[in-house]
Amino acid sequence: MCGRFNAADDPLNQVFEELVGHPFPGETNHNTAPTETAWIVRHDGPSSEELEAVAATWWLTPYWSKTPKPRYATFNARAETLASSSSFREPFRRRRCLVPVSGYYEWQKDGRHRFPHYIRPRTGGLLLAGVWDRWRSRDRTQQITSFSIVTTGVNAKLEFLHDRQPVMLSRAGARRWMSRDVPPSEMQPLLTPHIPVDLDVVPVSAYVGDPRNKEPRCVEGVATALRIDRDRIADIGG
């Protein structure tokens, strides 16, 4: 799964420059949690191929919802049910997005204890697959733009942490994910548990467990990082 992530201007300034032509427009948040606002990259219109950066709530509210926040968790969208889920089917078909992050957190379980780890790219930022939606109140006085991060089964190299992982995209995979010419039925190769970039898995302190803590201490290692090399296969999406 993906329940927390880091969004820092370094390295996201460069990532946003590449995607939308300007630096990261948000403020650094080393411990972004569900229901908070984060920056996503989406198409800037229903028929445009250009991309734009948009602030959105990390907890997808389907356009058809009667309330502004669903009673069930929608901050993650399972890849296995994207095409059939009432909440995610339409966003998957029409409103895919990219979620640029500096890295994400996962908690390793050992009996009653949970140990946090920070998973970051060895260089640069990390692109996660997402879907977004726009909800409006019946009287049109309230509008919410929100998103979900797509998750899939876990790669064998990361299974010591959790049984799921976010869908990570290479630059070529990101282009395919955002392509209007590729139907959802042909997106399956992107939704596999591959690792497209070299990663470091950094044990961090329990400080990150409190979502009110946003400081750099969240990403400071407390033990030696484990190096995870990217999958040595042809670039998915290329």
C-alpha atoms as a PDB file:
ATOM      1  CA  MET A   1       0.000   0.000   0.000  1.00  0.00           C
ATOM      2  CA  CYS A   2       1.044   3.623   0.165  1.00  0.00           C
ATOM      3  CA  GLY A   3      -0.127   5.519   3.235  1.00  0.00           C
ATOM      4  CA  ARG A   4       2.473   8.295   3.569  1.00  0.00           C
ATOM      5  CA  PHE A   5       4.900  10.013   1.246  1.00  0.00           C
ATOM      6  CA  ASN A   6       7.490  12.752   1.153  1.00  0.00           C
ATOM      7  CA  ALA A   7       7.062  15.727  -1.189  1.00  0.00           C
ATOM      8  CA  ALA A   8      10.155  17.947  -1.013  1.00  0.00           C
ATOM      9  CA  ASP A   9      11.178  20.714  -3.397  1.00  0.00           C
ATOM     10  CA  ASP A  10      14.491  18.903  -3.848  1.00  0.00           C
ATOM     11  CA  PRO A  11      14.254  16.813  -6.041  1.00  0.00           C
ATOM     12  CA  LEU A  12      10.684  17.682  -7.116  1.00  0.00           C
ATOM     13  CA  ASN A  13      11.665  21.048  -8.606  1.00  0.00           C
ATOM     14  CA  GLN A  14      13.433  19.222 -11.415  1.00  0.00           C
ATOM     15  CA  VAL A  15      10.643  16.663 -11.834  1.00  0.00           C
ATOM     16  CA  PHE A  16       7.984  19.351 -12.255  1.00  0.00           C
ATOM     17  CA  GLU A  17      10.239  21.328 -14.603  1.00  0.00           C
ATOM     18  CA  GLU A  18      10.447  18.277 -16.842  1.00  0.00           C
ATOM     19  CA  LEU A  19       6.717  17.538 -16.717  1.00  0.00           C
ATOM     20  CA  VAL A  20       5.029  20.945 -16.691  1.00  0.00           C
ATOM     21  CA  GLY A  21       7.772  23.491 -17.321  1.00  0.00           C
ATOM     22  CA  HIS A  22       8.033  25.070 -13.872  1.00  0.00           C
ATOM     23  CA  PRO A  23       9.363  24.129 -10.408  1.00  0.00           C
ATOM     24  CA  PHE A  24       7.399  22.272  -7.764  1.00  0.00           C
ATOM     25  CA  PRO A  25       4.592  24.708  -6.840  1.00  0.00           C
ATOM     26  CA  GLY A  26       3.893  23.347  -3.365  1.00  0.00           C
ATOM     27  CA  GLU A  27       5.549  23.514   0.010  1.00  0.00           C
ATOM     28  CA  THR A  28       7.784  20.739   1.268  1.00  0.00           C
ATOM     29  CA  ASN A  29       5.868  18.181   3.322  1.00  0.00           C
ATOM     30  CA  HIS A  30       8.120  15.365   4.500  1.00  0.00           C
ATOM     31  CA  ASN A  31       5.163  13.400   5.888  1.00  0.00           C
ATOM     32  CA  THR A  32       2.153  13.759   3.586  1.00  0.00           C
ATOM     33  CA  ALA A  33      -0.825  11.781   4.904  1.00  0.00           C
ATOM     34  CA  PRO A  34      -4.219  10.838   3.451  1.00  0.00           C
ATOM     35  CA  THR A  35      -6.781  13.709   3.357  1.00  0.00           C
ATOM     36  CA  GLU A  36      -3.979  16.271   3.031  1.00  0.00           C
ATOM     37  CA  THR A  37      -3.396  18.379  -0.074  1.00  0.00           C
ATOM     38  CA  ALA A  38      -0.650  17.340  -2.484  1.00  0.00           C
ATOM     39  CA  TRP A  39       0.346  18.221  -6.037  1.00  0.00           C
ATOM     40  CA  ILE A  40      -0.455  15.942  -8.960  1.00  0.00           C
ATOM     41  CA  VAL A  41       0.174  16.220 -12.690  1.00  0.00           C
ATOM     42  CA  ARG A  42      -2.760  15.765 -15.062  1.00  0.00           C
ATOM     43  CA  HIS A  43      -3.937  16.868 -18.504  1.00  0.00           C
ATOM     44  CA  ASP A  44      -4.914  20.532 -18.518  1.00  0.00           C
ATOM     45  CA  GLY A  45      -8.175  19.888 -20.360  1.00  0.00           C
ATOM     46  CA  PRO A  46     -10.463  17.053 -21.521  1.00  0.00           C
ATOM     47  CA  SER A  47      -8.877  16.959 -24.987  1.00  0.00           C
ATOM     48  CA  SER A  48      -5.452  18.486 -24.340  1.00  0.00           C
ATOM     49  CA  GLU A  49      -2.157  16.604 -24.420  1.00  0.00           C
ATOM     50  CA  GLU A  50      -0.477  19.308 -22.330  1.00  0.00           C
ATOM     51  CA  LEU A  51       0.138  18.615 -18.657  1.00  0.00           C
ATOM     52  CA  GLU A  52      -0.493  20.840 -15.659  1.00  0.00           C
ATOM     53  CA  ALA A  53       0.205  20.729 -11.934  1.00  0.00           C
ATOM     54  CA  VAL A  54      -2.864  20.796  -9.684  1.00  0.00           C
ATOM     55  CA  ALA A  55      -3.331  20.786  -5.915  1.00  0.00           C
ATOM     56  CA  ALA A  56      -5.637  17.931  -4.918  1.00  0.00           C
ATOM     57  CA  THR A  57      -6.850  16.103  -1.824  1.00  0.00           C
ATOM     58  CA  TRP A  58      -5.268  12.706  -1.257  1.00  0.00           C
ATOM     59  CA  TRP A  59      -8.528  10.777  -0.744  1.00  0.00           C
ATOM     60  CA  LEU A  60     -10.556  10.391  -3.900  1.00  0.00           C
ATOM     61  CA  THR A  61     -14.159  11.547  -3.795  1.00  0.00           C
ATOM     62  CA  PRO A  62     -16.037  10.038  -6.773  1.00  0.00           C
ATOM     63  CA  TYR A  63     -17.984  12.544  -8.849  1.00  0.00           C
ATOM     64  CA  TRP A  64     -21.213  10.672  -8.005  1.00  0.00           C
ATOM     65  CA  SER A  65     -20.710  10.641  -4.216  1.00  0.00           C
ATOM     66  CA  LYS A  66     -23.517  12.134  -2.130  1.00  0.00           C
ATOM     67  CA  THR A  67     -21.021  13.429   0.429  1.00  0.00           C
ATOM     68  CA  PRO A  68     -17.669  15.220   0.048  1.00  0.00           C
ATOM     69  CA  LYS A  69     -15.790  12.372   1.718  1.00  0.00           C
ATOM     70  CA  PRO A  70     -16.607   8.691   1.187  1.00  0.00           C
ATOM     71  CA  ARG A  71     -17.048   6.565   4.287  1.00  0.00           C
ATOM     72  CA  TYR A  72     -14.581   4.011   2.951  1.00  0.00           C
ATOM     73  CA  ALA A  73     -10.867   4.569   2.285  1.00  0.00           C
ATOM     74  CA  THR A  74     -10.065   5.764  -1.228  1.00  0.00           C
ATOM     75  CA  PHE A  75      -6.523   7.102  -0.855  1.00  0.00           C
ATOM     76  CA  ASN A  76      -5.283   3.926  -2.588  1.00  0.00           C
ATOM     77  CA  ALA A  77      -6.806   2.257  -5.661  1.00  0.00           C
ATOM     78  CA  ARG A  78      -6.075  -1.428  -6.213  1.00  0.00           C
ATOM     79  CA  ALA A  79      -4.721  -2.137  -9.698  1.00  0.00           C
ATOM     80  CA  GLU A  80      -6.614  -5.437  -9.787  1.00  0.00           C
ATOM     81  CA  THR A  81     -10.019  -3.702  -9.591  1.00  0.00           C
ATOM     82  CA  LEU A  82      -9.347  -0.363 -11.314  1.00  0.00           C
ATOM     83  CA  ALA A  83     -11.415  -1.292 -14.347  1.00  0.00           C
ATOM     84  CA  SER A  84     -14.389  -2.598 -12.353  1.00  0.00           C
ATOM     85  CA  SER A  85     -14.560  -0.455  -9.190  1.00  0.00           C
ATOM     86  CA  SER A  86     -17.442   2.021  -9.111  1.00  0.00           C
ATOM     87  CA  SER A  87     -15.123   4.599  -7.536  1.00  0.00           C
ATOM     88  CA  PHE A  88     -12.166   4.217  -9.868  1.00  0.00           C
ATOM     89  CA  ARG A  89     -13.492   2.817 -13.162  1.00  0.00           C
ATOM     90  CA  GLU A  90     -14.265   6.188 -14.743  1.00  0.00           C
ATOM     91  CA  PRO A  91     -11.128   7.960 -13.435  1.00  0.00           C
ATOM     92  CA  PHE A  92      -9.007   5.071 -14.743  1.00  0.00           C
ATOM     93  CA  ARG A  93     -10.586   5.465 -18.159  1.00  0.00           C
ATOM     94  CA  ARG A  94     -10.553   9.254 -18.407  1.00  0.00           C
ATOM     95  CA  ARG A  95      -8.628  10.863 -15.548  1.00  0.00           C
ATOM     96  CA  ARG A  96      -5.259   9.245 -14.987  1.00  0.00           C
ATOM     97  CA  CYS A  97      -2.568  11.336 -13.310  1.00  0.00           C
ATOM     98  CA  LEU A  98       0.990  11.246 -12.042  1.00  0.00           C
ATOM     99  CA  VAL A  99       1.883  11.677  -8.378  1.00  0.00           C
ATOM    100  CA  PRO A 100       5.495  12.919  -8.159  1.00  0.00           C
ATOM    101  CA  VAL A 101       7.061  12.168  -4.769  1.00  0.00           C
ATOM    102  CA  SER A 102      10.503  12.253  -3.216  1.00  0.00           C
ATOM    103  CA  GLY A 103       9.824   8.848  -1.676  1.00  0.00           C
ATOM    104  CA  TYR A 104       7.216   6.970   0.339  1.00  0.00           C
ATOM    105  CA  TYR A 105       7.009   5.255   3.727  1.00  0.00           C
ATOM    106  CA  GLU A 106       6.153   1.692   4.615  1.00  0.00           C
ATOM    107  CA  TRP A 107       5.917  -0.047   7.980  1.00  0.00           C
ATOM    108  CA  GLN A 108       7.468  -3.491   8.376  1.00  0.00           C
ATOM    109  CA  LYS A 109       5.604  -5.708  10.825  1.00  0.00           C
ATOM    110  CA  ASP A 110       7.487  -7.930  13.264  1.00  0.00           C
ATOM    111  CA  GLY A 111       5.081  -9.486  15.725  1.00  0.00           C
ATOM    112  CA  ARG A 112       3.430  -6.634  17.631  1.00  0.00           C
ATOM    113  CA  HIS A 113       5.966  -4.102  16.439  1.00  0.00           C
ATOM    114  CA  ARG A 114       5.985  -1.981  13.289  1.00  0.00           C
ATOM    115  CA  PHE A 115       9.194  -0.462  11.974  1.00  0.00           C
ATOM    116  CA  PRO A 116       8.989   2.471   9.524  1.00  0.00           C
ATOM    117  CA  HIS A 117      11.104   2.588   6.384  1.00  0.00           C
ATOM    118  CA  TYR A 118      11.544   5.335   3.824  1.00  0.00           C
ATOM    119  CA  ILE A 119      11.707   4.097   0.211  1.00  0.00           C
ATOM    120  CA  ARG A 120      13.368   6.655  -2.042  1.00  0.00           C
ATOM    121  CA  PRO A 121      14.917   6.684  -5.511  1.00  0.00           C
ATOM    122  CA  ARG A 122      18.688   6.643  -5.422  1.00  0.00           C
ATOM    123  CA  THR A 123      18.634   9.756  -7.603  1.00  0.00           C
ATOM    124  CA  GLY A 124      15.896  12.210  -8.552  1.00  0.00           C
ATOM    125  CA  GLY A 125      12.207  11.891  -7.821  1.00  0.00           C
ATOM    126  CA  LEU A 126       9.726   9.047  -8.125  1.00  0.00           C
ATOM    127  CA  LEU A 127       6.606   8.995 -10.294  1.00  0.00           C
ATOM    128  CA  LEU A 128       3.602   7.054  -8.975  1.00  0.00           C
ATOM    129  CA  ALA A 129       0.519   6.159 -10.997  1.00  0.00           C
ATOM    130  CA  GLY A 130      -2.653   7.888  -9.852  1.00  0.00           C
ATOM    131  CA  VAL A 131      -6.257   8.607 -10.786  1.00  0.00           C
ATOM    132  CA  TRP A 132      -8.194  11.766  -9.979  1.00  0.00           C
ATOM    133  CA  ASP A 133     -11.774  12.987  -9.897  1.00  0.00           C
ATOM    134  CA  ARG A 134     -13.758  16.183  -9.421  1.00  0.00           C
ATOM    135  CA  TRP A 135     -16.725  16.288  -7.050  1.00  0.00           C
ATOM    136  CA  ARG A 136     -19.305  19.078  -6.917  1.00  0.00           C
ATOM    137  CA  SER A 137     -22.075  19.618  -4.406  1.00  0.00           C
ATOM    138  CA  ARG A 138     -25.604  19.554  -5.760  1.00  0.00           C
ATOM    139  CA  ASP A 139     -25.920  23.328  -5.458  1.00  0.00           C
ATOM    140  CA  ARG A 140     -22.506  23.753  -7.164  1.00  0.00           C
ATOM    141  CA  THR A 141     -21.169  25.854  -4.282  1.00  0.00           C
ATOM    142  CA  GLN A 142     -18.511  23.319  -3.281  1.00  0.00           C
ATOM    143  CA  GLN A 143     -15.963  21.563  -5.456  1.00  0.00           C
ATOM    144  CA  ILE A 144     -13.248  19.042  -4.549  1.00  0.00           C
ATOM    145  CA  THR A 145     -10.427  17.816  -6.753  1.00  0.00           C
ATOM    146  CA  SER A 146      -9.009  14.623  -5.285  1.00  0.00           C
ATOM    147  CA  PHE A 147      -6.815  11.680  -6.204  1.00  0.00           C
ATOM    148  CA  SER A 148      -5.807   8.148  -5.305  1.00  0.00           C
ATOM    149  CA  ILE A 149      -2.467   6.377  -5.667  1.00  0.00           C
ATOM    150  CA  VAL A 150      -2.660   3.077  -7.550  1.00  0.00           C
ATOM    151  CA  THR A 151      -1.205   0.064  -5.727  1.00  0.00           C
ATOM    152  CA  THR A 152      -0.339  -3.422  -6.886  1.00  0.00           C
ATOM    153  CA  GLY A 153       1.116  -6.659  -5.545  1.00  0.00           C
ATOM    154  CA  VAL A 154       4.629  -6.366  -4.214  1.00  0.00           C
ATOM    155  CA  ASN A 155       7.877  -6.982  -6.045  1.00  0.00           C
ATOM    156  CA  ALA A 156       9.907  -9.813  -4.485  1.00  0.00           C
ATOM    157  CA  LYS A 157      12.647  -7.318  -3.564  1.00  0.00           C
ATOM    158  CA  LEU A 158      10.242  -5.375  -1.335  1.00  0.00           C
ATOM    159  CA  GLU A 159       8.089  -8.160   0.077  1.00  0.00           C
ATOM    160  CA  PHE A 160       9.930  -8.028   3.415  1.00  0.00           C
ATOM    161  CA  LEU A 161       8.161  -4.697   4.002  1.00  0.00           C
ATOM    162  CA  HIS A 162       4.569  -5.293   2.907  1.00  0.00           C
ATOM    163  CA  ASP A 163       2.448  -7.368   0.555  1.00  0.00           C
ATOM    164  CA  ARG A 164       1.640  -4.368  -1.673  1.00  0.00           C
ATOM    165  CA  GLN A 165       3.434  -1.405  -3.211  1.00  0.00           C
ATOM    166  CA  PRO A 166       2.522   1.709  -5.179  1.00  0.00           C
ATOM    167  CA  VAL A 167       2.710   1.453  -8.965  1.00  0.00           C
ATOM    168  CA  MET A 168       6.041   3.073  -9.852  1.00  0.00           C
ATOM    169  CA  LEU A 169       6.572   4.465 -13.337  1.00  0.00           C
ATOM    170  CA  SER A 170       9.657   5.082 -15.420  1.00  0.00           C
ATOM    171  CA  ARG A 171       9.634   8.203 -17.580  1.00  0.00           C
ATOM    172  CA  ALA A 172       8.535   6.077 -20.559  1.00  0.00           C
ATOM    173  CA  GLY A 173       5.914   4.361 -18.407  1.00  0.00           C
ATOM    174  CA  ALA A 174       4.623   7.742 -17.243  1.00  0.00           C
ATOM    175  CA  ARG A 175       4.192   8.887 -20.844  1.00  0.00           C
ATOM    176  CA  ARG A 176       2.198   5.758 -21.608  1.00  0.00           C
ATOM    177  CA  TRP A 177       0.090   6.109 -18.433  1.00  0.00           C
ATOM    178  CA  MET A 178      -0.826   9.651 -19.509  1.00  0.00           C
ATOM    179  CA  SER A 179      -1.353   8.869 -23.184  1.00  0.00           C
ATOM    180  CA  ARG A 180      -4.894   9.367 -24.472  1.00  0.00           C
ATOM    181  CA  ASP A 181      -4.116   6.948 -27.304  1.00  0.00           C
ATOM    182  CA  VAL A 182      -3.630   3.956 -24.998  1.00  0.00           C
ATOM    183  CA  PRO A 183      -6.899   2.398 -23.765  1.00  0.00           C
ATOM    184  CA  PRO A 184      -7.191   1.118 -20.190  1.00  0.00           C
ATOM    185  CA  SER A 185      -7.228  -2.457 -21.462  1.00  0.00           C
ATOM    186  CA  GLU A 186      -3.601  -2.034 -22.605  1.00  0.00           C
ATOM    187  CA  MET A 187      -2.331  -0.541 -19.347  1.00  0.00           C
ATOM    188  CA  GLN A 188      -1.873  -3.875 -17.600  1.00  0.00           C
ATOM    189  CA  PRO A 189       1.919  -4.096 -18.137  1.00  0.00           C
ATOM    190  CA  LEU A 190       2.306  -0.841 -16.205  1.00  0.00           C
ATOM    191  CA  LEU A 191       0.297  -2.191 -13.276  1.00  0.00           C
ATOM    192  CA  THR A 192       2.652  -5.043 -12.492  1.00  0.00           C
ATOM    193  CA  PRO A 193       4.880  -4.854  -9.368  1.00  0.00           C
ATOM    194  CA  HIS A 194       8.010  -3.741 -11.181  1.00  0.00           C
ATOM    195  CA  ILE A 195      10.745  -1.455  -9.868  1.00  0.00           C
ATOM    196  CA  PRO A 196      11.777   0.912 -12.687  1.00  0.00           C
ATOM    197  CA  VAL A 197      14.436   2.881 -10.760  1.00  0.00           C
ATOM    198  CA  ASP A 198      17.192   2.102  -8.282  1.00  0.00           C
ATOM    199  CA  LEU A 199      15.913   2.498  -4.712  1.00  0.00           C
ATOM    200  CA  ASP A 200      17.248   2.906  -1.205  1.00  0.00           C
ATOM    201  CA  VAL A 201      15.168   1.507   1.670  1.00  0.00           C
ATOM    202  CA  VAL A 202      16.065   3.558   4.726  1.00  0.00           C
ATOM    203  CA  PRO A 203      15.036   2.531   8.269  1.00  0.00           C
ATOM    204  CA  VAL A 204      13.705   5.681   9.980  1.00  0.00           C
ATOM    205  CA  SER A 205      12.487   6.520  13.470  1.00  0.00           C
ATOM    206  CA  ALA A 206       8.987   6.233  14.893  1.00  0.00           C
ATOM    207  CA  TYR A 207       8.838  10.032  14.656  1.00  0.00           C
ATOM    208  CA  VAL A 208       7.287   9.672  11.200  1.00  0.00           C
ATOM    209  CA  GLY A 209       4.376   7.723  12.697  1.00  0.00           C
ATOM    210  CA  ASP A 210       2.702  10.947  13.820  1.00  0.00           C
ATOM    211  CA  PRO A 211       1.357  12.701  10.679  1.00  0.00           C
ATOM    212  CA  ARG A 212       1.646  16.046  12.474  1.00  0.00           C
ATOM    213  CA  ASN A 213       5.422  15.730  12.230  1.00  0.00           C
ATOM    214  CA  LYS A 214       6.561  17.269   8.950  1.00  0.00           C
ATOM    215  CA  GLU A 215      10.232  18.066   9.560  1.00  0.00           C
ATOM    216  CA  PRO A 216      13.307  16.576   7.801  1.00  0.00           C
ATOM    217  CA  ARG A 217      13.729  14.286  10.804  1.00  0.00           C
ATOM    218  CA  CYS A 218      11.050  12.093   9.192  1.00  0.00           C
ATOM    219  CA  VAL A 219      13.499  10.942   6.508  1.00  0.00           C
ATOM    220  CA  GLU A 220      16.626  10.698   8.638  1.00  0.00           C
ATOM    221  CA  GLY A 221      17.997   7.176   8.708  1.00  0.00           C
ATOM    222  CA  VAL A 222      18.533   5.293  11.961  1.00  0.00           C
ATOM    223  CA  ALA A 223      20.334   2.327  10.362  1.00  0.00           C
ATOM    224  CA  THR A 224      22.102   1.426   7.140  1.00  0.00           C
ATOM    225  CA  ALA A 225      19.982   1.735   4.010  1.00  0.00           C
ATOM    226  CA  LEU A 226      19.292  -1.318   1.868  1.00  0.00           C
ATOM    227  CA  ARG A 227      20.019  -0.842  -1.832  1.00  0.00           C
ATOM    228  CA  ILE A 228      17.391  -2.194  -4.231  1.00  0.00           C
ATOM    229  CA  ASP A 229      18.400  -2.274  -7.888  1.00  0.00           C
ATOM    230  CA  ARG A 230      15.835  -1.621 -10.567  1.00  0.00           C
ATOM    231  CA  ASP A 231      14.461  -4.559 -12.542  1.00  0.00           C
ATOM    232  CA  ARG A 232      16.831  -5.401 -15.368  1.00  0.00           C
ATOM    233  CA  ILE A 233      14.185  -5.769 -18.032  1.00  0.00           C
ATOM    234  CA  ALA A 234      13.121  -3.714 -21.004  1.00  0.00           C
ATOM    235  CA  ASP A 235      11.589  -0.431 -19.879  1.00  0.00           C
ATOM    236  CA  ILE A 236       7.855  -0.989 -19.399  1.00  0.00           C
ATOM    237  CA  GLY A 237       6.050   1.651 -21.375  1.00  0.00           C
ATOM    238  CA  GLY A 238       8.824   2.247 -23.850  1.00  0.00           C
END
